[in-house]
Amino acid sequence: MSNIESPERRLPAIGAPFGGGYFVDTVTNNGQTYALVVAPKSEDAGGKTWKQAQKLAAACRAGGHEDWQLPSRRDALAMAEKLLPTGSQTPEAFREGGEQALERSWYWTAAEVDGEPGYAWLQYFGYGCQSSSKGLRDRVRAVRKHPL
């Protein structure tokens, strides 16, 4: 047996402080594994169009990091699975009314709807569904991917 620990063993619990925000889960893109990190609630904003949400996420500097962005649809789904405010397994700080809780509202993702330039995907954090429309004003909460 090796004494070398895998990166996953060193990761904090879901919802614990990590990488300038809070650890959500691990994700793999093109063979590279990352820790998905959600920005602190202090960076959460509402009433934004999709373009405004993109700019706000990119301008986030939480923890001194400059690689914040809107979550992909997959990232937003992971956030809903792990941090849904009404989830029975959700860490306390992210439960409804908690200091880091996502609002029971629609949040923008970075994903545009294929073949529909006027639409982008949203994630609802009341019960976890996804929908679309760029013309709405909704919430934004940035994420970053910390390489492992």
C-alpha atoms as a PDB file:
ATOM      1  CA  MET A   1       0.000   0.000   0.000  1.00  0.00           C
ATOM      2  CA  SER A   2       1.311   3.445  -0.915  1.00  0.00           C
ATOM      3  CA  ASN A   3       1.822   6.263   1.586  1.00  0.00           C
ATOM      4  CA  ILE A   4       0.788   8.784  -1.061  1.00  0.00           C
ATOM      5  CA  GLU A   5      -2.711  10.131  -0.536  1.00  0.00           C
ATOM      6  CA  SER A   6      -4.956  10.803  -3.495  1.00  0.00           C
ATOM      7  CA  PRO A   7      -6.051  14.456  -3.866  1.00  0.00           C
ATOM      8  CA  GLU A   8      -9.641  13.440  -3.075  1.00  0.00           C
ATOM      9  CA  ARG A   9      -8.568  12.267   0.404  1.00  0.00           C
ATOM     10  CA  ARG A  10      -7.266  15.728   1.257  1.00  0.00           C
ATOM     11  CA  LEU A  11     -10.435  17.528   0.246  1.00  0.00           C
ATOM     12  CA  PRO A  12     -12.631  19.085   2.911  1.00  0.00           C
ATOM     13  CA  ALA A  13     -16.216  18.139   3.638  1.00  0.00           C
ATOM     14  CA  ILE A  14     -18.903  19.444   1.295  1.00  0.00           C
ATOM     15  CA  GLY A  15     -19.695  23.051   2.239  1.00  0.00           C
ATOM     16  CA  ALA A  16     -16.404  23.600   4.103  1.00  0.00           C
ATOM     17  CA  PRO A  17     -14.190  26.626   3.322  1.00  0.00           C
ATOM     18  CA  PHE A  18     -11.822  25.897   0.442  1.00  0.00           C
ATOM     19  CA  GLY A  19     -10.086  27.768  -2.372  1.00  0.00           C
ATOM     20  CA  GLY A  20     -11.583  31.194  -1.645  1.00  0.00           C
ATOM     21  CA  GLY A  21     -15.121  29.869  -1.268  1.00  0.00           C
ATOM     22  CA  TYR A  22     -16.754  26.592  -0.265  1.00  0.00           C
ATOM     23  CA  PHE A  23     -16.112  23.065  -1.510  1.00  0.00           C
ATOM     24  CA  VAL A  24     -18.954  21.544  -3.533  1.00  0.00           C
ATOM     25  CA  ASP A  25     -17.627  18.385  -5.214  1.00  0.00           C
ATOM     26  CA  THR A  26     -14.970  17.112  -7.593  1.00  0.00           C
ATOM     27  CA  VAL A  27     -15.484  17.436 -11.335  1.00  0.00           C
ATOM     28  CA  THR A  28     -13.468  16.062 -14.239  1.00  0.00           C
ATOM     29  CA  ASN A  29     -12.972  17.954 -17.507  1.00  0.00           C
ATOM     30  CA  ASN A  30     -10.821  16.509 -20.313  1.00  0.00           C
ATOM     31  CA  GLY A  31      -9.155  14.053 -17.928  1.00  0.00           C
ATOM     32  CA  GLN A  32      -8.243  16.714 -15.329  1.00  0.00           C
ATOM     33  CA  THR A  33      -9.890  16.549 -11.893  1.00  0.00           C
ATOM     34  CA  TYR A  34     -10.863  19.769 -10.144  1.00  0.00           C
ATOM     35  CA  ALA A  35     -12.447  20.794  -6.873  1.00  0.00           C
ATOM     36  CA  LEU A  36     -15.619  22.740  -7.646  1.00  0.00           C
ATOM     37  CA  VAL A  37     -15.736  25.790  -5.366  1.00  0.00           C
ATOM     38  CA  VAL A  38     -18.722  28.118  -4.927  1.00  0.00           C
ATOM     39  CA  ALA A  39     -18.146  31.780  -4.029  1.00  0.00           C
ATOM     40  CA  PRO A  40     -19.210  33.078  -0.599  1.00  0.00           C
ATOM     41  CA  LYS A  41     -22.747  34.388  -0.197  1.00  0.00           C
ATOM     42  CA  SER A  42     -21.309  37.915   0.032  1.00  0.00           C
ATOM     43  CA  GLU A  43     -20.679  37.571  -3.731  1.00  0.00           C
ATOM     44  CA  ASP A  44     -24.292  36.479  -4.472  1.00  0.00           C
ATOM     45  CA  ALA A  45     -26.365  39.054  -6.383  1.00  0.00           C
ATOM     46  CA  GLY A  46     -29.875  39.178  -7.808  1.00  0.00           C
ATOM     47  CA  GLY A  47     -31.683  41.050 -10.566  1.00  0.00           C
ATOM     48  CA  LYS A  48     -29.010  40.481 -13.223  1.00  0.00           C
ATOM     49  CA  THR A  49     -29.346  39.702 -16.902  1.00  0.00           C
ATOM     50  CA  TRP A  50     -27.243  36.855 -18.286  1.00  0.00           C
ATOM     51  CA  LYS A  51     -24.590  39.237 -19.675  1.00  0.00           C
ATOM     52  CA  GLN A  52     -24.454  41.153 -16.364  1.00  0.00           C
ATOM     53  CA  ALA A  53     -24.144  37.850 -14.499  1.00  0.00           C
ATOM     54  CA  GLN A  54     -21.199  36.813 -16.695  1.00  0.00           C
ATOM     55  CA  LYS A  55     -19.390  40.088 -15.988  1.00  0.00           C
ATOM     56  CA  LEU A  56     -20.135  39.979 -12.263  1.00  0.00           C
ATOM     57  CA  ALA A  57     -18.880  36.396 -11.947  1.00  0.00           C
ATOM     58  CA  ALA A  58     -15.673  37.207 -13.861  1.00  0.00           C
ATOM     59  CA  ALA A  59     -15.086  40.252 -11.621  1.00  0.00           C
ATOM     60  CA  CYS A  60     -15.311  38.176  -8.426  1.00  0.00           C
ATOM     61  CA  ARG A  61     -12.040  38.190  -6.457  1.00  0.00           C
ATOM     62  CA  ALA A  62     -13.061  36.070  -3.457  1.00  0.00           C
ATOM     63  CA  GLY A  63     -10.045  34.627  -1.670  1.00  0.00           C
ATOM     64  CA  GLY A  64      -7.735  36.573  -3.981  1.00  0.00           C
ATOM     65  CA  HIS A  65      -8.548  34.281  -6.925  1.00  0.00           C
ATOM     66  CA  GLU A  66      -9.197  35.717 -10.389  1.00  0.00           C
ATOM     67  CA  ASP A  67     -10.639  32.651 -12.132  1.00  0.00           C
ATOM     68  CA  TRP A  68     -14.283  32.885 -10.996  1.00  0.00           C
ATOM     69  CA  GLN A  69     -16.995  32.320 -13.604  1.00  0.00           C
ATOM     70  CA  LEU A  70     -20.624  31.351 -14.000  1.00  0.00           C
ATOM     71  CA  PRO A  71     -21.127  27.638 -13.386  1.00  0.00           C
ATOM     72  CA  SER A  72     -21.650  25.248 -16.262  1.00  0.00           C
ATOM     73  CA  ARG A  73     -24.974  23.399 -16.308  1.00  0.00           C
ATOM     74  CA  ARG A  74     -23.178  20.392 -14.845  1.00  0.00           C
ATOM     75  CA  ASP A  75     -21.590  22.521 -12.106  1.00  0.00           C
ATOM     76  CA  ALA A  76     -24.960  24.068 -11.245  1.00  0.00           C
ATOM     77  CA  LEU A  77     -26.506  20.618 -11.047  1.00  0.00           C
ATOM     78  CA  ALA A  78     -23.726  19.506  -8.665  1.00  0.00           C
ATOM     79  CA  MET A  79     -24.434  22.593  -6.539  1.00  0.00           C
ATOM     80  CA  ALA A  80     -28.135  21.694  -6.463  1.00  0.00           C
ATOM     81  CA  GLU A  81     -27.357  18.095  -5.510  1.00  0.00           C
ATOM     82  CA  LYS A  82     -24.934  19.033  -2.720  1.00  0.00           C
ATOM     83  CA  LEU A  83     -26.120  22.472  -1.520  1.00  0.00           C
ATOM     84  CA  LEU A  84     -29.895  22.607  -2.124  1.00  0.00           C
ATOM     85  CA  PRO A  85     -31.274  24.819   0.706  1.00  0.00           C
ATOM     86  CA  THR A  86     -34.004  22.284   1.474  1.00  0.00           C
ATOM     87  CA  GLY A  87     -31.865  19.135   1.189  1.00  0.00           C
ATOM     88  CA  SER A  88     -31.710  16.783   4.163  1.00  0.00           C
ATOM     89  CA  GLN A  89     -27.972  16.146   3.579  1.00  0.00           C
ATOM     90  CA  THR A  90     -27.088  19.800   2.914  1.00  0.00           C
ATOM     91  CA  PRO A  91     -24.372  21.221   5.203  1.00  0.00           C
ATOM     92  CA  GLU A  92     -25.845  23.494   7.876  1.00  0.00           C
ATOM     93  CA  ALA A  93     -24.329  26.741   6.555  1.00  0.00           C
ATOM     94  CA  PHE A  94     -26.055  26.091   3.199  1.00  0.00           C
ATOM     95  CA  ARG A  95     -29.466  25.110   4.544  1.00  0.00           C
ATOM     96  CA  GLU A  96     -32.317  27.570   4.159  1.00  0.00           C
ATOM     97  CA  GLY A  97     -31.522  30.605   6.342  1.00  0.00           C
ATOM     98  CA  GLY A  98     -27.866  29.547   6.724  1.00  0.00           C
ATOM     99  CA  GLU A  99     -25.044  32.048   6.381  1.00  0.00           C
ATOM    100  CA  GLN A 100     -23.962  30.654   2.969  1.00  0.00           C
ATOM    101  CA  ALA A 101     -27.322  29.351   1.701  1.00  0.00           C
ATOM    102  CA  LEU A 102     -28.308  29.763  -1.911  1.00  0.00           C
ATOM    103  CA  GLU A 103     -31.648  31.508  -2.295  1.00  0.00           C
ATOM    104  CA  ARG A 104     -34.683  29.492  -3.364  1.00  0.00           C
ATOM    105  CA  SER A 105     -34.436  31.197  -6.709  1.00  0.00           C
ATOM    106  CA  TRP A 106     -33.139  30.918 -10.267  1.00  0.00           C
ATOM    107  CA  TYR A 107     -29.363  31.263 -10.802  1.00  0.00           C
ATOM    108  CA  TRP A 108     -27.631  31.792 -14.130  1.00  0.00           C
ATOM    109  CA  THR A 109     -25.301  29.234 -15.687  1.00  0.00           C
ATOM    110  CA  ALA A 110     -22.695  29.934 -18.381  1.00  0.00           C
ATOM    111  CA  ALA A 111     -24.460  27.643 -20.844  1.00  0.00           C
ATOM    112  CA  GLU A 112     -26.361  29.015 -23.802  1.00  0.00           C
ATOM    113  CA  VAL A 113     -29.132  26.892 -25.293  1.00  0.00           C
ATOM    114  CA  ASP A 114     -27.929  25.245 -28.528  1.00  0.00           C
ATOM    115  CA  GLY A 115     -29.420  26.950 -31.576  1.00  0.00           C
ATOM    116  CA  GLU A 116     -31.256  29.558 -29.484  1.00  0.00           C
ATOM    117  CA  PRO A 117     -29.146  32.748 -29.172  1.00  0.00           C
ATOM    118  CA  GLY A 118     -31.724  34.414 -26.909  1.00  0.00           C
ATOM    119  CA  TYR A 119     -31.628  31.658 -24.301  1.00  0.00           C
ATOM    120  CA  ALA A 120     -29.269  30.525 -21.548  1.00  0.00           C
ATOM    121  CA  TRP A 121     -29.736  27.878 -18.885  1.00  0.00           C
ATOM    122  CA  LEU A 122     -30.763  28.663 -15.325  1.00  0.00           C
ATOM    123  CA  GLN A 123     -30.711  26.443 -12.230  1.00  0.00           C
ATOM    124  CA  TYR A 124     -33.516  26.659  -9.662  1.00  0.00           C
ATOM    125  CA  PHE A 125     -32.415  26.124  -6.065  1.00  0.00           C
ATOM    126  CA  GLY A 126     -35.861  25.524  -4.625  1.00  0.00           C
ATOM    127  CA  TYR A 127     -36.123  21.995  -5.944  1.00  0.00           C
ATOM    128  CA  GLY A 128     -33.292  21.674  -8.439  1.00  0.00           C
ATOM    129  CA  CYS A 129     -34.743  22.005 -11.970  1.00  0.00           C
ATOM    130  CA  GLN A 130     -33.122  23.803 -14.925  1.00  0.00           C
ATOM    131  CA  SER A 131     -34.791  26.153 -17.420  1.00  0.00           C
ATOM    132  CA  SER A 132     -33.839  28.885 -19.886  1.00  0.00           C
ATOM    133  CA  SER A 133     -34.295  32.514 -21.082  1.00  0.00           C
ATOM    134  CA  LYS A 134     -31.711  35.310 -21.353  1.00  0.00           C
ATOM    135  CA  GLY A 135     -34.311  38.059 -21.033  1.00  0.00           C
ATOM    136  CA  LEU A 136     -34.916  37.423 -17.341  1.00  0.00           C
ATOM    137  CA  ARG A 137     -33.205  39.059 -14.381  1.00  0.00           C
ATOM    138  CA  ASP A 138     -31.983  36.405 -11.980  1.00  0.00           C
ATOM    139  CA  ARG A 139     -29.334  35.598  -9.419  1.00  0.00           C
ATOM    140  CA  VAL A 140     -25.628  34.960  -9.876  1.00  0.00           C
ATOM    141  CA  ARG A 141     -23.195  32.986  -7.725  1.00  0.00           C
ATOM    142  CA  ALA A 142     -19.755  32.398  -9.201  1.00  0.00           C
ATOM    143  CA  VAL A 143     -17.731  29.200  -9.097  1.00  0.00           C
ATOM    144  CA  ARG A 144     -14.137  28.288  -9.766  1.00  0.00           C
ATOM    145  CA  LYS A 145     -12.374  25.039 -10.463  1.00  0.00           C
ATOM    146  CA  HIS A 146      -9.330  24.396  -8.293  1.00  0.00           C
ATOM    147  CA  PRO A 147      -6.939  21.946 -10.036  1.00  0.00           C
ATOM    148  CA  LEU A 148      -6.132  18.809  -8.047  1.00  0.00           C
END
